[in-house]
Amino acid sequence: MASITLKNLSDDLLAALRSAAAQDRRSLTQEIIHLLDGALRLRSEAAPQPTPDVKAQLAAWRKLAGTWESDVDPAVESDELMQARTPGREVDF
C-alpha cells in the first residue's frame, strides 16, 4: 500500500483529528483514511452528471464553433450590442 506524509497541519486540526480518532476507536491514520474516503465519496455522488441531451448539445455547439455567419452587418450588430449593454465602467475601444 502507498503512504503519504501530511505536512503543515495546524495544531487545532491535528487535535481535532486525534479526538475524532479516539471517539471512533481508530488510529490517527485509520481516521484520516476514513475521513478522506467519505469526503471523496460524497464529492463524487454530489457532482452533477451531464445528461445525454446536454452532451449532444455540447457536441453541436463545438461543431458550430467558428462557423457562424451573421446576416447582420458587423457595424450594425456591434452598435446593437453596445446599446444593449448594462451601464458599467467606461470602455475605450
N, C-alpha and C. Protein backbone atom coordinates (compact mmCIF):
# COMPACT_ATOMS: atom_id res chain seq x y z
N MET A 1 0.83 -1.18 0.00
CA MET A 1 0.00 0.00 0.00
C MET A 1 0.88 1.25 0.00
N ALA A 2 0.36 2.28 -0.61
CA ALA A 2 1.08 3.55 -0.67
C ALA A 2 0.95 4.29 0.65
N SER A 3 1.83 5.23 0.86
CA SER A 3 1.74 6.06 2.06
C SER A 3 2.02 7.50 1.68
N ILE A 4 1.50 8.42 2.50
CA ILE A 4 1.75 9.85 2.29
C ILE A 4 2.13 10.48 3.62
N THR A 5 2.74 11.61 3.52
CA THR A 5 3.08 12.39 4.70
C THR A 5 2.30 13.69 4.64
N LEU A 6 1.63 14.02 5.71
CA LEU A 6 0.89 15.28 5.78
C LEU A 6 1.77 16.30 6.49
N LYS A 7 1.98 17.42 5.85
CA LYS A 7 2.80 18.47 6.43
C LYS A 7 1.95 19.70 6.70
N ASN A 8 2.43 20.53 7.58
CA ASN A 8 1.84 21.84 7.88
C ASN A 8 0.41 21.75 8.41
N LEU A 9 0.11 20.69 9.17
CA LEU A 9 -1.19 20.62 9.84
C LEU A 9 -1.17 21.60 11.01
N SER A 10 -2.23 22.35 11.16
CA SER A 10 -2.31 23.24 12.32
C SER A 10 -2.48 22.38 13.57
N ASP A 11 -2.11 22.93 14.69
CA ASP A 11 -2.26 22.22 15.96
C ASP A 11 -3.74 21.91 16.22
N ASP A 12 -4.62 22.85 15.85
CA ASP A 12 -6.06 22.64 16.06
C ASP A 12 -6.58 21.49 15.22
N LEU A 13 -6.14 21.42 13.97
CA LEU A 13 -6.60 20.34 13.09
C LEU A 13 -6.09 19.00 13.59
N LEU A 14 -4.83 18.94 13.98
CA LEU A 14 -4.27 17.70 14.49
C LEU A 14 -5.00 17.26 15.76
N ALA A 15 -5.31 18.20 16.62
CA ALA A 15 -6.04 17.87 17.85
C ALA A 15 -7.44 17.35 17.52
N ALA A 16 -8.10 17.97 16.55
CA ALA A 16 -9.44 17.52 16.15
C ALA A 16 -9.39 16.13 15.54
N LEU A 17 -8.37 15.85 14.74
CA LEU A 17 -8.21 14.52 14.16
C LEU A 17 -7.96 13.47 15.23
N ARG A 18 -7.11 13.80 16.17
CA ARG A 18 -6.82 12.86 17.27
C ARG A 18 -8.07 12.59 18.10
N SER A 19 -8.84 13.63 18.36
CA SER A 19 -10.07 13.48 19.12
C SER A 19 -11.08 12.61 18.37
N ALA A 20 -11.24 12.86 17.08
CA ALA A 20 -12.17 12.07 16.28
C ALA A 20 -11.72 10.61 16.23
N ALA A 21 -10.43 10.38 16.11
CA ALA A 21 -9.90 9.01 16.07
C ALA A 21 -10.19 8.30 17.39
N ALA A 22 -9.98 9.00 18.49
CA ALA A 22 -10.24 8.39 19.80
C ALA A 22 -11.72 8.07 19.97
N GLN A 23 -12.60 8.98 19.55
CA GLN A 23 -14.04 8.75 19.68
C GLN A 23 -14.49 7.57 18.83
N ASP A 24 -13.87 7.41 17.66
CA ASP A 24 -14.25 6.33 16.75
C ASP A 24 -13.43 5.06 16.98
N ARG A 25 -12.56 5.10 17.97
CA ARG A 25 -11.69 3.97 18.31
C ARG A 25 -10.88 3.51 17.10
N ARG A 26 -10.26 4.49 16.46
CA ARG A 26 -9.39 4.24 15.32
C ARG A 26 -8.03 4.85 15.60
N SER A 27 -7.04 4.37 14.86
CA SER A 27 -5.75 5.05 14.92
C SER A 27 -5.88 6.35 14.15
N LEU A 28 -4.93 7.24 14.33
CA LEU A 28 -4.96 8.51 13.61
C LEU A 28 -4.95 8.27 12.11
N THR A 29 -4.12 7.34 11.66
CA THR A 29 -4.05 7.02 10.23
C THR A 29 -5.38 6.47 9.73
N GLN A 30 -5.97 5.53 10.48
CA GLN A 30 -7.26 4.96 10.07
C GLN A 30 -8.34 6.03 10.01
N GLU A 31 -8.31 6.97 10.94
CA GLU A 31 -9.32 8.04 10.96
C GLU A 31 -9.17 8.96 9.74
N ILE A 32 -7.93 9.32 9.42
CA ILE A 32 -7.69 10.19 8.26
C ILE A 32 -8.14 9.49 6.99
N ILE A 33 -7.81 8.20 6.84
CA ILE A 33 -8.24 7.44 5.66
C ILE A 33 -9.76 7.39 5.60
N HIS A 34 -10.41 7.13 6.73
CA HIS A 34 -11.87 7.08 6.79
C HIS A 34 -12.49 8.42 6.36
N LEU A 35 -11.96 9.50 6.88
CA LEU A 35 -12.50 10.83 6.55
C LEU A 35 -12.27 11.18 5.09
N LEU A 36 -11.08 10.88 4.57
CA LEU A 36 -10.81 11.17 3.16
C LEU A 36 -11.71 10.34 2.25
N ASP A 37 -11.87 9.06 2.57
CA ASP A 37 -12.73 8.19 1.77
C ASP A 37 -14.16 8.70 1.75
N GLY A 38 -14.68 9.07 2.92
CA GLY A 38 -16.05 9.59 2.99
C GLY A 38 -16.22 10.88 2.23
N ALA A 39 -15.26 11.78 2.35
CA ALA A 39 -15.34 13.07 1.64
C ALA A 39 -15.31 12.87 0.13
N LEU A 40 -14.46 11.98 -0.34
CA LEU A 40 -14.38 11.74 -1.78
C LEU A 40 -15.62 11.05 -2.32
N ARG A 41 -16.20 10.16 -1.52
CA ARG A 41 -17.45 9.51 -1.96
C ARG A 41 -18.58 10.54 -2.08
N LEU A 42 -18.70 11.40 -1.07
CA LEU A 42 -19.73 12.44 -1.12
C LEU A 42 -19.53 13.37 -2.31
N ARG A 43 -18.27 13.70 -2.56
CA ARG A 43 -17.96 14.61 -3.67
C ARG A 43 -18.36 14.00 -5.00
N SER A 44 -18.07 12.72 -5.21
CA SER A 44 -18.41 12.09 -6.48
C SER A 44 -19.91 11.88 -6.62
N GLU A 45 -20.61 11.63 -5.50
CA GLU A 45 -22.06 11.48 -5.55
C GLU A 45 -22.75 12.81 -5.81
N ALA A 46 -22.19 13.90 -5.29
CA ALA A 46 -22.80 15.21 -5.42
C ALA A 46 -22.52 15.87 -6.76
N ALA A 47 -21.50 15.41 -7.46
CA ALA A 47 -21.13 16.02 -8.74
C ALA A 47 -22.22 15.76 -9.77
N PRO A 48 -22.76 16.82 -10.35
CA PRO A 48 -23.81 16.62 -11.36
C PRO A 48 -23.23 15.94 -12.60
N GLN A 49 -23.94 14.94 -13.06
CA GLN A 49 -23.53 14.23 -14.26
C GLN A 49 -24.35 14.76 -15.44
N PRO A 50 -23.69 15.13 -16.52
CA PRO A 50 -24.44 15.65 -17.66
C PRO A 50 -25.36 14.58 -18.25
N THR A 51 -26.55 15.01 -18.60
CA THR A 51 -27.49 14.09 -19.23
C THR A 51 -27.09 13.92 -20.68
N PRO A 52 -27.56 12.87 -21.34
CA PRO A 52 -27.22 12.69 -22.76
C PRO A 52 -27.60 13.89 -23.61
N ASP A 53 -28.71 14.57 -23.27
CA ASP A 53 -29.12 15.75 -24.04
C ASP A 53 -28.08 16.86 -23.93
N VAL A 54 -27.52 17.04 -22.75
CA VAL A 54 -26.50 18.07 -22.55
C VAL A 54 -25.26 17.73 -23.35
N LYS A 55 -24.88 16.46 -23.34
CA LYS A 55 -23.71 16.02 -24.11
C LYS A 55 -23.93 16.27 -25.61
N ALA A 56 -25.12 15.98 -26.09
CA ALA A 56 -25.43 16.19 -27.51
C ALA A 56 -25.40 17.67 -27.85
N GLN A 57 -25.94 18.51 -26.96
CA GLN A 57 -25.94 19.95 -27.19
C GLN A 57 -24.52 20.49 -27.22
N LEU A 58 -23.70 20.03 -26.30
CA LEU A 58 -22.31 20.47 -26.26
C LEU A 58 -21.58 20.06 -27.53
N ALA A 59 -21.82 18.86 -28.01
CA ALA A 59 -21.19 18.41 -29.25
C ALA A 59 -21.64 19.27 -30.42
N ALA A 60 -22.91 19.64 -30.45
CA ALA A 60 -23.41 20.50 -31.53
C ALA A 60 -22.78 21.88 -31.47
N TRP A 61 -22.65 22.44 -30.27
CA TRP A 61 -22.01 23.76 -30.13
C TRP A 61 -20.57 23.73 -30.58
N ARG A 62 -19.87 22.66 -30.21
CA ARG A 62 -18.47 22.55 -30.61
C ARG A 62 -18.35 22.42 -32.14
N LYS A 63 -19.29 21.73 -32.76
CA LYS A 63 -19.27 21.58 -34.21
C LYS A 63 -19.52 22.92 -34.89
N LEU A 64 -20.40 23.74 -34.30
CA LEU A 64 -20.73 25.04 -34.88
C LEU A 64 -19.70 26.12 -34.57
N ALA A 65 -18.89 25.90 -33.56
CA ALA A 65 -17.94 26.92 -33.13
C ALA A 65 -17.06 27.38 -34.29
N GLY A 66 -17.05 28.67 -34.50
CA GLY A 66 -16.22 29.25 -35.55
C GLY A 66 -16.84 29.19 -36.94
N THR A 67 -18.05 28.64 -37.06
CA THR A 67 -18.67 28.53 -38.38
C THR A 67 -19.87 29.46 -38.54
N TRP A 68 -20.24 30.17 -37.48
CA TRP A 68 -21.41 31.04 -37.53
C TRP A 68 -21.15 32.24 -38.42
N GLU A 69 -22.11 32.51 -39.29
CA GLU A 69 -22.04 33.69 -40.13
C GLU A 69 -23.32 34.49 -39.89
N SER A 70 -23.17 35.70 -39.37
CA SER A 70 -24.32 36.53 -39.08
C SER A 70 -24.83 37.17 -40.36
N ASP A 71 -26.15 37.36 -40.43
CA ASP A 71 -26.74 38.04 -41.59
C ASP A 71 -26.89 39.53 -41.33
N VAL A 72 -26.35 40.01 -40.20
CA VAL A 72 -26.41 41.42 -39.85
C VAL A 72 -25.03 42.02 -40.12
N ASP A 73 -25.05 43.26 -40.65
CA ASP A 73 -23.79 43.96 -40.89
C ASP A 73 -23.01 44.07 -39.59
N PRO A 74 -21.71 43.78 -39.57
CA PRO A 74 -20.92 43.82 -38.33
C PRO A 74 -21.02 45.16 -37.60
N ALA A 75 -21.03 46.28 -38.31
CA ALA A 75 -21.12 47.58 -37.65
C ALA A 75 -22.47 47.74 -36.96
N VAL A 76 -23.55 47.32 -37.61
CA VAL A 76 -24.89 47.40 -37.03
C VAL A 76 -24.98 46.47 -35.82
N GLU A 77 -24.47 45.26 -35.96
CA GLU A 77 -24.52 44.31 -34.85
C GLU A 77 -23.72 44.82 -33.65
N SER A 78 -22.58 45.41 -33.91
CA SER A 78 -21.75 45.97 -32.85
C SER A 78 -22.49 47.09 -32.13
N ASP A 79 -23.13 47.98 -32.90
CA ASP A 79 -23.90 49.07 -32.30
C ASP A 79 -25.04 48.53 -31.44
N GLU A 80 -25.74 47.51 -31.94
CA GLU A 80 -26.85 46.93 -31.18
C GLU A 80 -26.36 46.31 -29.87
N LEU A 81 -25.22 45.64 -29.94
CA LEU A 81 -24.66 45.05 -28.73
C LEU A 81 -24.26 46.12 -27.72
N MET A 82 -23.65 47.19 -28.19
CA MET A 82 -23.22 48.26 -27.30
C MET A 82 -24.43 48.94 -26.65
N GLN A 83 -25.51 49.13 -27.40
CA GLN A 83 -26.70 49.77 -26.85
C GLN A 83 -27.41 48.86 -25.85
N ALA A 84 -27.27 47.56 -26.01
CA ALA A 84 -27.94 46.62 -25.12
C ALA A 84 -27.17 46.38 -23.82
N ARG A 85 -25.95 46.88 -23.76
CA ARG A 85 -25.14 46.69 -22.55
C ARG A 85 -25.76 47.37 -21.35
N THR A 86 -25.54 46.77 -20.21
CA THR A 86 -25.97 47.43 -18.98
C THR A 86 -24.94 48.48 -18.63
N PRO A 87 -25.36 49.54 -17.93
CA PRO A 87 -24.40 50.58 -17.57
C PRO A 87 -23.25 49.99 -16.77
N GLY A 88 -22.10 50.42 -17.08
CA GLY A 88 -20.92 49.94 -16.37
C GLY A 88 -19.80 50.95 -16.52
N ARG A 89 -18.61 50.49 -16.32
CA ARG A 89 -17.49 51.42 -16.44
C ARG A 89 -17.29 51.78 -17.91
N GLU A 90 -16.68 52.92 -18.13
CA GLU A 90 -16.40 53.38 -19.48
C GLU A 90 -15.32 52.50 -20.10
N VAL A 91 -15.52 52.15 -21.36
CA VAL A 91 -14.56 51.31 -22.07
C VAL A 91 -14.17 52.02 -23.34
N ASP A 92 -12.89 52.12 -23.60
CA ASP A 92 -12.40 52.79 -24.81
C ASP A 92 -12.00 51.72 -25.81
N PHE A 93 -12.66 51.70 -26.95
CA PHE A 93 -12.34 50.73 -27.99
C PHE A 93 -11.40 51.33 -28.97
